[in-house]
């Protein structure tokens, strides 16, 4: 079976869930709006989105009224980076594998984020012929199960091949 593309997944989901209004202008499935109270920083307060497809990029856009030289910096922990992130900035981030957080803004300032992403469960649902993994795997013959296990073992290499490499 060829890899499930974003467009294929959208069409499949729209077919089985016609009552849901699908955004035609984004390739990502979910959108979350976040506010000031979620932005804390210390070595134990970073976030990694384990439920996201690991090799999919999430889109984070900052909004609000704050001084970006003093707060709201984006911290990418494994990369050892602290990046100024002024209002209106957008970053594409592999949030399923890179731990990230934000520096708080001043008490009299506001900072909001719009985060667009795709949950890994949606990819599994489509890949499993629109059924739970446990049901899908139970329906397979031993040869089909072996094929799925081989595909699963190679999934991370496939995902890494999709990410851009900058030189």
C-alpha atoms as a PDB file:
ATOM      1  CA  UNK A   1       0.000   0.000   0.000  1.00  0.00           C
ATOM      2  CA  UNK A   2       1.428   3.471  -0.845  1.00  0.00           C
ATOM      3  CA  UNK A   3       2.025   5.856   2.049  1.00  0.00           C
ATOM      4  CA  UNK A   4      -1.060   7.713   3.239  1.00  0.00           C
ATOM      5  CA  UNK A   5      -0.753  11.328   2.149  1.00  0.00           C
ATOM      6  CA  UNK A   6      -2.290  14.296   3.913  1.00  0.00           C
ATOM      7  CA  UNK A   7      -4.781  14.780   1.059  1.00  0.00           C
ATOM      8  CA  UNK A   8      -5.750  11.093   1.025  1.00  0.00           C
ATOM      9  CA  UNK A   9      -6.320  11.200   4.786  1.00  0.00           C
ATOM     10  CA  UNK A  10      -8.472  14.321   4.530  1.00  0.00           C
ATOM     11  CA  UNK A  11     -10.629  12.773   1.814  1.00  0.00           C
ATOM     12  CA  UNK A  12     -10.952   9.535   3.774  1.00  0.00           C
ATOM     13  CA  UNK A  13     -11.918  11.324   6.976  1.00  0.00           C
ATOM     14  CA  UNK A  14     -14.409  13.549   5.140  1.00  0.00           C
ATOM     15  CA  UNK A  15     -16.011  10.432   3.658  1.00  0.00           C
ATOM     16  CA  UNK A  16     -16.556   8.690   6.991  1.00  0.00           C
ATOM     17  CA  UNK A  17     -17.357  11.893   8.935  1.00  0.00           C
ATOM     18  CA  UNK A  18     -19.379  14.056   6.523  1.00  0.00           C
ATOM     19  CA  UNK A  19     -20.932  16.079   9.342  1.00  0.00           C
ATOM     20  CA  UNK A  20     -17.540  17.551  10.289  1.00  0.00           C
ATOM     21  CA  UNK A  21     -16.559  20.671   8.426  1.00  0.00           C
ATOM     22  CA  UNK A  22     -12.997  20.106   7.206  1.00  0.00           C
ATOM     23  CA  UNK A  23     -10.661  23.033   6.661  1.00  0.00           C
ATOM     24  CA  UNK A  24      -9.691  23.081   3.002  1.00  0.00           C
ATOM     25  CA  UNK A  25      -6.914  25.612   3.537  1.00  0.00           C
ATOM     26  CA  UNK A  26      -4.645  23.561   5.787  1.00  0.00           C
ATOM     27  CA  UNK A  27      -2.929  20.223   5.481  1.00  0.00           C
ATOM     28  CA  UNK A  28      -3.041  19.771   9.247  1.00  0.00           C
ATOM     29  CA  UNK A  29      -6.036  18.291  11.052  1.00  0.00           C
ATOM     30  CA  UNK A  30      -6.187  20.022  14.415  1.00  0.00           C
ATOM     31  CA  UNK A  31      -5.893  23.531  15.744  1.00  0.00           C
ATOM     32  CA  UNK A  32      -5.436  24.612  19.362  1.00  0.00           C
ATOM     33  CA  UNK A  33      -5.584  28.138  20.774  1.00  0.00           C
ATOM     34  CA  UNK A  34      -3.435  28.722  23.868  1.00  0.00           C
ATOM     35  CA  UNK A  35      -3.088  31.632  26.290  1.00  0.00           C
ATOM     36  CA  UNK A  36      -0.699  33.110  28.847  1.00  0.00           C
ATOM     37  CA  UNK A  37      -1.219  30.629  31.677  1.00  0.00           C
ATOM     38  CA  UNK A  38       0.392  27.811  29.709  1.00  0.00           C
ATOM     39  CA  UNK A  39       3.781  29.497  29.391  1.00  0.00           C
ATOM     40  CA  UNK A  40       6.103  28.566  32.211  1.00  0.00           C
ATOM     41  CA  UNK A  41       9.755  27.713  32.030  1.00  0.00           C
ATOM     42  CA  UNK A  42      12.062  25.570  34.069  1.00  0.00           C
ATOM     43  CA  UNK A  43      13.890  22.356  33.337  1.00  0.00           C
ATOM     44  CA  UNK A  44      10.826  20.222  34.122  1.00  0.00           C
ATOM     45  CA  UNK A  45       8.168  22.292  32.299  1.00  0.00           C
ATOM     46  CA  UNK A  46       8.935  21.657  28.675  1.00  0.00           C
ATOM     47  CA  UNK A  47       6.466  19.945  26.402  1.00  0.00           C
ATOM     48  CA  UNK A  48       6.819  17.246  23.765  1.00  0.00           C
ATOM     49  CA  UNK A  49       3.665  16.322  21.853  1.00  0.00           C
ATOM     50  CA  UNK A  50       3.888  12.524  22.026  1.00  0.00           C
ATOM     51  CA  UNK A  51       0.441  12.113  20.461  1.00  0.00           C
ATOM     52  CA  UNK A  52       1.478  13.925  17.264  1.00  0.00           C
ATOM     53  CA  UNK A  53       2.835  12.120  14.250  1.00  0.00           C
ATOM     54  CA  UNK A  54       6.558  12.324  15.113  1.00  0.00           C
ATOM     55  CA  UNK A  55       7.728  13.288  11.647  1.00  0.00           C
ATOM     56  CA  UNK A  56       4.969  15.751  10.937  1.00  0.00           C
ATOM     57  CA  UNK A  57       5.619  19.431  11.439  1.00  0.00           C
ATOM     58  CA  UNK A  58       3.318  21.471  13.619  1.00  0.00           C
ATOM     59  CA  UNK A  59       2.762  25.143  12.890  1.00  0.00           C
ATOM     60  CA  UNK A  60       2.977  27.560  15.839  1.00  0.00           C
ATOM     61  CA  UNK A  61       1.990  31.218  15.409  1.00  0.00           C
ATOM     62  CA  UNK A  62       2.473  33.741  18.236  1.00  0.00           C
ATOM     63  CA  UNK A  63       0.026  36.567  18.860  1.00  0.00           C
ATOM     64  CA  UNK A  64      -0.529  39.161  21.537  1.00  0.00           C
ATOM     65  CA  UNK A  65       0.932  42.332  22.960  1.00  0.00           C
ATOM     66  CA  UNK A  66       4.322  41.747  24.575  1.00  0.00           C
ATOM     67  CA  UNK A  67       7.973  42.753  24.374  1.00  0.00           C
ATOM     68  CA  UNK A  68       9.643  39.875  22.468  1.00  0.00           C
ATOM     69  CA  UNK A  69      13.117  40.858  23.657  1.00  0.00           C
ATOM     70  CA  UNK A  70      12.124  40.245  27.291  1.00  0.00           C
ATOM     71  CA  UNK A  71       9.681  37.324  27.094  1.00  0.00           C
ATOM     72  CA  UNK A  72       7.887  34.745  24.974  1.00  0.00           C
ATOM     73  CA  UNK A  73      11.129  33.263  23.673  1.00  0.00           C
ATOM     74  CA  UNK A  74      10.745  29.789  22.181  1.00  0.00           C
ATOM     75  CA  UNK A  75      13.031  27.281  23.908  1.00  0.00           C
ATOM     76  CA  UNK A  76      14.023  24.162  21.938  1.00  0.00           C
ATOM     77  CA  UNK A  77      15.599  22.027  24.651  1.00  0.00           C
ATOM     78  CA  UNK A  78      17.476  19.318  22.700  1.00  0.00           C
ATOM     79  CA  UNK A  79      18.782  21.908  20.243  1.00  0.00           C
ATOM     80  CA  UNK A  80      20.023  24.164  23.044  1.00  0.00           C
ATOM     81  CA  UNK A  81      18.264  27.145  21.415  1.00  0.00           C
ATOM     82  CA  UNK A  82      16.367  30.088  22.873  1.00  0.00           C
ATOM     83  CA  UNK A  83      14.730  32.047  20.035  1.00  0.00           C
ATOM     84  CA  UNK A  84      13.035  35.448  20.191  1.00  0.00           C
ATOM     85  CA  UNK A  85       9.464  34.912  19.028  1.00  0.00           C
ATOM     86  CA  UNK A  86       7.702  38.252  18.385  1.00  0.00           C
ATOM     87  CA  UNK A  87       3.949  38.598  17.759  1.00  0.00           C
ATOM     88  CA  UNK A  88       3.066  37.373  14.270  1.00  0.00           C
ATOM     89  CA  UNK A  89       5.981  34.924  14.132  1.00  0.00           C
ATOM     90  CA  UNK A  90       5.386  31.410  12.851  1.00  0.00           C
ATOM     91  CA  UNK A  91       7.604  28.361  13.173  1.00  0.00           C
ATOM     92  CA  UNK A  92       7.344  24.843  11.752  1.00  0.00           C
ATOM     93  CA  UNK A  93       8.375  22.455  14.496  1.00  0.00           C
ATOM     94  CA  UNK A  94       8.617  18.677  14.806  1.00  0.00           C
ATOM     95  CA  UNK A  95       6.861  18.973  18.178  1.00  0.00           C
ATOM     96  CA  UNK A  96       6.531  15.217  18.602  1.00  0.00           C
ATOM     97  CA  UNK A  97      10.304  14.832  18.957  1.00  0.00           C
ATOM     98  CA  UNK A  98      11.629  18.237  20.077  1.00  0.00           C
ATOM     99  CA  UNK A  99      10.903  19.322  23.648  1.00  0.00           C
ATOM    100  CA  UNK A 100       9.824  22.962  23.678  1.00  0.00           C
ATOM    101  CA  UNK A 101       8.538  25.690  25.966  1.00  0.00           C
ATOM    102  CA  UNK A 102       8.170  29.468  26.152  1.00  0.00           C
ATOM    103  CA  UNK A 103       9.675  32.080  28.436  1.00  0.00           C
ATOM    104  CA  UNK A 104       6.847  33.853  30.321  1.00  0.00           C
ATOM    105  CA  UNK A 105       5.790  37.366  29.326  1.00  0.00           C
ATOM    106  CA  UNK A 106       5.443  40.198  31.836  1.00  0.00           C
ATOM    107  CA  UNK A 107       2.280  40.181  34.009  1.00  0.00           C
ATOM    108  CA  UNK A 108       0.804  43.170  32.141  1.00  0.00           C
ATOM    109  CA  UNK A 109       1.420  41.577  28.706  1.00  0.00           C
ATOM    110  CA  UNK A 110      -0.559  38.984  26.764  1.00  0.00           C
ATOM    111  CA  UNK A 111       0.666  36.173  24.571  1.00  0.00           C
ATOM    112  CA  UNK A 112      -1.417  33.650  22.668  1.00  0.00           C
ATOM    113  CA  UNK A 113      -0.573  30.861  20.257  1.00  0.00           C
ATOM    114  CA  UNK A 114      -2.394  29.193  17.425  1.00  0.00           C
ATOM    115  CA  UNK A 115      -1.007  25.685  16.994  1.00  0.00           C
ATOM    116  CA  UNK A 116      -1.899  23.502  13.999  1.00  0.00           C
ATOM    117  CA  UNK A 117      -0.906  19.836  14.017  1.00  0.00           C
ATOM    118  CA  UNK A 118      -1.889  16.298  13.058  1.00  0.00           C
ATOM    119  CA  UNK A 119      -2.442  13.650  15.700  1.00  0.00           C
ATOM    120  CA  UNK A 120      -0.778  10.316  15.076  1.00  0.00           C
ATOM    121  CA  UNK A 121      -4.044   8.510  15.893  1.00  0.00           C
ATOM    122  CA  UNK A 122      -5.647   9.884  12.717  1.00  0.00           C
ATOM    123  CA  UNK A 123      -2.876   8.397  10.595  1.00  0.00           C
ATOM    124  CA  UNK A 124      -3.206   5.053  12.388  1.00  0.00           C
ATOM    125  CA  UNK A 125      -6.989   5.066  11.930  1.00  0.00           C
ATOM    126  CA  UNK A 126      -6.689   5.522   8.160  1.00  0.00           C
ATOM    127  CA  UNK A 127      -3.714   3.150   7.880  1.00  0.00           C
ATOM    128  CA  UNK A 128      -5.751   0.515   9.793  1.00  0.00           C
ATOM    129  CA  UNK A 129      -8.673   0.700   7.364  1.00  0.00           C
ATOM    130  CA  UNK A 130     -10.698   2.938   9.712  1.00  0.00           C
ATOM    131  CA  UNK A 131     -10.606   0.671  12.734  1.00  0.00           C
ATOM    132  CA  UNK A 132      -8.829   0.444  16.060  1.00  0.00           C
ATOM    133  CA  UNK A 133      -5.328  -1.036  15.903  1.00  0.00           C
ATOM    134  CA  UNK A 134      -6.334  -3.989  18.082  1.00  0.00           C
ATOM    135  CA  UNK A 135      -9.216  -4.875  15.728  1.00  0.00           C
ATOM    136  CA  UNK A 136      -7.174  -4.310  12.581  1.00  0.00           C
ATOM    137  CA  UNK A 137      -4.268  -6.466  13.742  1.00  0.00           C
ATOM    138  CA  UNK A 138      -6.624  -9.235  14.887  1.00  0.00           C
ATOM    139  CA  UNK A 139      -8.136  -9.364  11.372  1.00  0.00           C
ATOM    140  CA  UNK A 140      -4.811  -9.998   9.612  1.00  0.00           C
ATOM    141  CA  UNK A 141      -3.367 -13.285   8.431  1.00  0.00           C
ATOM    142  CA  UNK A 142       0.119 -14.178   9.693  1.00  0.00           C
ATOM    143  CA  UNK A 143       1.665 -13.022   6.374  1.00  0.00           C
ATOM    144  CA  UNK A 144      -0.224  -9.712   6.519  1.00  0.00           C
ATOM    145  CA  UNK A 145       0.794  -9.244  10.149  1.00  0.00           C
ATOM    146  CA  UNK A 146       4.439  -9.820   9.207  1.00  0.00           C
ATOM    147  CA  UNK A 147       4.114  -7.187   6.457  1.00  0.00           C
ATOM    148  CA  UNK A 148       2.668  -4.692   8.944  1.00  0.00           C
ATOM    149  CA  UNK A 149       5.478  -5.412  11.430  1.00  0.00           C
ATOM    150  CA  UNK A 150       8.094  -4.829   8.709  1.00  0.00           C
ATOM    151  CA  UNK A 151       6.406  -1.599   7.695  1.00  0.00           C
ATOM    152  CA  UNK A 152       6.236  -0.466  11.336  1.00  0.00           C
ATOM    153  CA  UNK A 153       9.940  -1.239  11.809  1.00  0.00           C
ATOM    154  CA  UNK A 154      10.772   0.980   8.819  1.00  0.00           C
ATOM    155  CA  UNK A 155       8.346   3.799   9.679  1.00  0.00           C
ATOM    156  CA  UNK A 156      10.853   6.021  11.514  1.00  0.00           C
ATOM    157  CA  UNK A 157      13.338   5.843   8.617  1.00  0.00           C
ATOM    158  CA  UNK A 158      10.513   6.729   6.221  1.00  0.00           C
ATOM    159  CA  UNK A 159       9.457   9.645   8.414  1.00  0.00           C
ATOM    160  CA  UNK A 160      13.014  10.960   8.715  1.00  0.00           C
ATOM    161  CA  UNK A 161      13.313  10.893   4.923  1.00  0.00           C
ATOM    162  CA  UNK A 162      10.388  13.349   4.725  1.00  0.00           C
ATOM    163  CA  UNK A 163      12.008  16.004   6.939  1.00  0.00           C
ATOM    164  CA  UNK A 164      14.081  18.741   5.276  1.00  0.00           C
ATOM    165  CA  UNK A 165      17.831  18.808   5.626  1.00  0.00           C
ATOM    166  CA  UNK A 166      19.471  22.224   5.664  1.00  0.00           C
ATOM    167  CA  UNK A 167      23.159  22.514   4.815  1.00  0.00           C
END
